[in-house]
Amino acid sequence: MSKERTPPPTTPDGRHIVVRGRLWRTADPRLSAAQRAALVAQLMDARRAVAAARRADDKQAAQTAHAAVGSAKTALGERGPVWWDDGAPDLNRRMARNTLYADWFATVDGD
């Protein structure tokens, strides 16, 4: 039997998901479904290339693949400049309990 995965909690403003208590920026919601799907496909291809380069112990290929991962994540809005324009801080990679989301996170049945 496979256990159904529940999606990670998303902050009330939709800017971050929480994985193991840490905030991770979500993709830019202004992307069309087709754009997002294409970028996610690029990201997954790049991640597979990282794994293949590691298995082959090919440092140059790994460096190239890591750059492709970064490019895809930036295009998705998960890295680089924030996709919101109201001046709110980027809290990516911070522990939710130590941010302005702390009260909300305390109520979430998260991970």
Protein backbone atom coordinates (compact mmCIF):
# COMPACT_ATOMS: atom_id res chain seq x y z
CA MET A 1 0.00 0.00 0.00
CA SER A 2 1.24 3.47 -0.78
CA LYS A 3 0.66 6.26 1.64
CA GLU A 4 -0.88 9.36 0.10
CA ARG A 5 1.31 12.40 0.46
CA THR A 6 -0.26 15.49 1.86
CA PRO A 7 1.06 18.76 0.50
CA PRO A 8 3.21 20.79 2.86
CA PRO A 9 1.57 23.68 4.70
CA THR A 10 1.52 26.94 2.76
CA THR A 11 1.76 30.26 4.56
CA PRO A 12 -1.44 32.31 4.55
CA ASP A 13 0.02 34.73 1.99
CA GLY A 14 1.01 31.84 -0.32
CA ARG A 15 4.66 32.91 -0.47
CA HIS A 16 6.21 29.92 1.29
CA ILE A 17 5.69 26.26 2.06
CA VAL A 18 7.00 24.70 5.25
CA VAL A 19 9.12 21.57 5.13
CA ARG A 20 10.49 20.22 8.43
CA GLY A 21 9.78 23.59 10.02
CA ARG A 22 11.71 25.57 7.41
CA LEU A 23 10.23 28.08 4.96
CA TRP A 24 10.81 27.55 1.25
CA ARG A 25 9.64 30.09 -1.33
CA THR A 26 6.85 28.94 -3.62
CA ALA A 27 6.81 29.37 -7.37
CA ASP A 28 5.54 32.63 -8.78
CA PRO A 29 1.74 32.28 -9.02
CA ARG A 30 1.71 34.58 -12.05
CA LEU A 31 3.28 31.83 -14.17
CA SER A 32 0.83 30.10 -16.46
CA ALA A 33 0.23 26.40 -15.90
CA ALA A 34 2.14 25.67 -19.11
CA GLN A 35 5.10 27.86 -18.09
CA ARG A 36 5.22 26.29 -14.65
CA ALA A 37 5.01 22.75 -16.06
CA ALA A 38 7.84 23.43 -18.53
CA LEU A 39 10.05 24.93 -15.81
CA VAL A 40 9.34 22.06 -13.42
CA ALA A 41 10.27 19.61 -16.19
CA GLN A 42 13.55 21.51 -16.70
CA LEU A 43 14.18 21.44 -12.96
CA MET A 44 13.60 17.70 -12.71
CA ASP A 45 15.85 17.05 -15.74
CA ALA A 46 18.57 19.14 -14.09
CA ARG A 47 18.19 17.26 -10.80
CA ARG A 48 18.51 13.95 -12.63
CA ALA A 49 21.63 15.31 -14.34
CA VAL A 50 23.09 16.18 -10.91
CA ALA A 51 22.47 12.63 -9.73
CA ALA A 52 23.99 11.14 -12.89
CA ALA A 53 27.06 13.37 -12.60
CA ARG A 54 27.55 12.34 -8.98
CA ARG A 55 27.26 8.66 -9.86
CA ALA A 56 29.84 9.18 -12.61
CA ASP A 57 32.01 11.29 -10.28
CA ASP A 58 32.07 13.94 -13.02
CA LYS A 59 32.70 17.24 -11.25
CA GLN A 60 32.32 19.40 -14.37
CA ALA A 61 28.98 17.80 -15.29
CA ALA A 62 27.81 18.20 -11.70
CA GLN A 63 28.72 21.89 -11.74
CA THR A 64 26.83 22.37 -15.01
CA ALA A 65 23.82 20.47 -13.69
CA HIS A 66 23.76 22.45 -10.43
CA ALA A 67 23.76 25.66 -12.47
CA ALA A 68 20.79 24.34 -14.46
CA VAL A 69 18.94 23.59 -11.21
CA GLY A 70 19.59 27.13 -10.04
CA SER A 71 18.42 28.61 -13.34
CA ALA A 72 15.18 26.64 -13.27
CA LYS A 73 14.49 27.57 -9.64
CA THR A 74 15.16 31.24 -10.40
CA ALA A 75 12.82 31.13 -13.42
CA LEU A 76 10.14 29.56 -11.19
CA GLY A 77 10.60 32.38 -8.68
CA GLU A 78 11.88 30.11 -5.93
CA ARG A 79 15.29 31.83 -5.97
CA GLY A 80 16.57 35.21 -7.01
CA PRO A 81 14.46 38.33 -6.70
CA VAL A 82 11.16 37.84 -4.91
CA TRP A 83 8.05 37.71 -7.05
CA TRP A 84 5.93 39.86 -4.74
CA ASP A 85 6.13 43.64 -4.81
CA ASP A 86 4.84 44.84 -1.44
CA GLY A 87 8.25 45.09 0.22
CA ALA A 88 7.73 42.06 2.48
CA PRO A 89 11.00 40.32 3.36
CA ASP A 90 12.18 37.10 1.78
CA LEU A 91 12.23 34.53 4.58
CA ASN A 92 13.37 31.63 2.42
CA ARG A 93 15.22 28.91 4.36
CA ARG A 94 14.41 30.41 7.75
CA MET A 95 12.75 28.41 10.52
CA ALA A 96 9.05 29.29 10.51
CA ARG A 97 8.93 29.49 14.31
CA ASN A 98 11.45 32.36 14.20
CA THR A 99 9.62 34.51 11.65
CA LEU A 100 6.52 36.63 11.32
CA TYR A 101 4.73 33.33 10.54
CA ALA A 102 5.42 31.94 14.04
CA ASP A 103 1.87 32.36 15.39
CA TRP A 104 0.36 30.82 12.25
CA PHE A 105 2.90 27.97 12.26
CA ALA A 106 2.08 27.14 15.88
CA THR A 107 -1.48 26.33 14.76
CA VAL A 108 -0.49 24.17 11.78
CA ASP A 109 -0.52 20.41 11.98
CA GLY A 110 2.70 20.36 10.03
CA ASP A 111 5.76 18.29 9.93
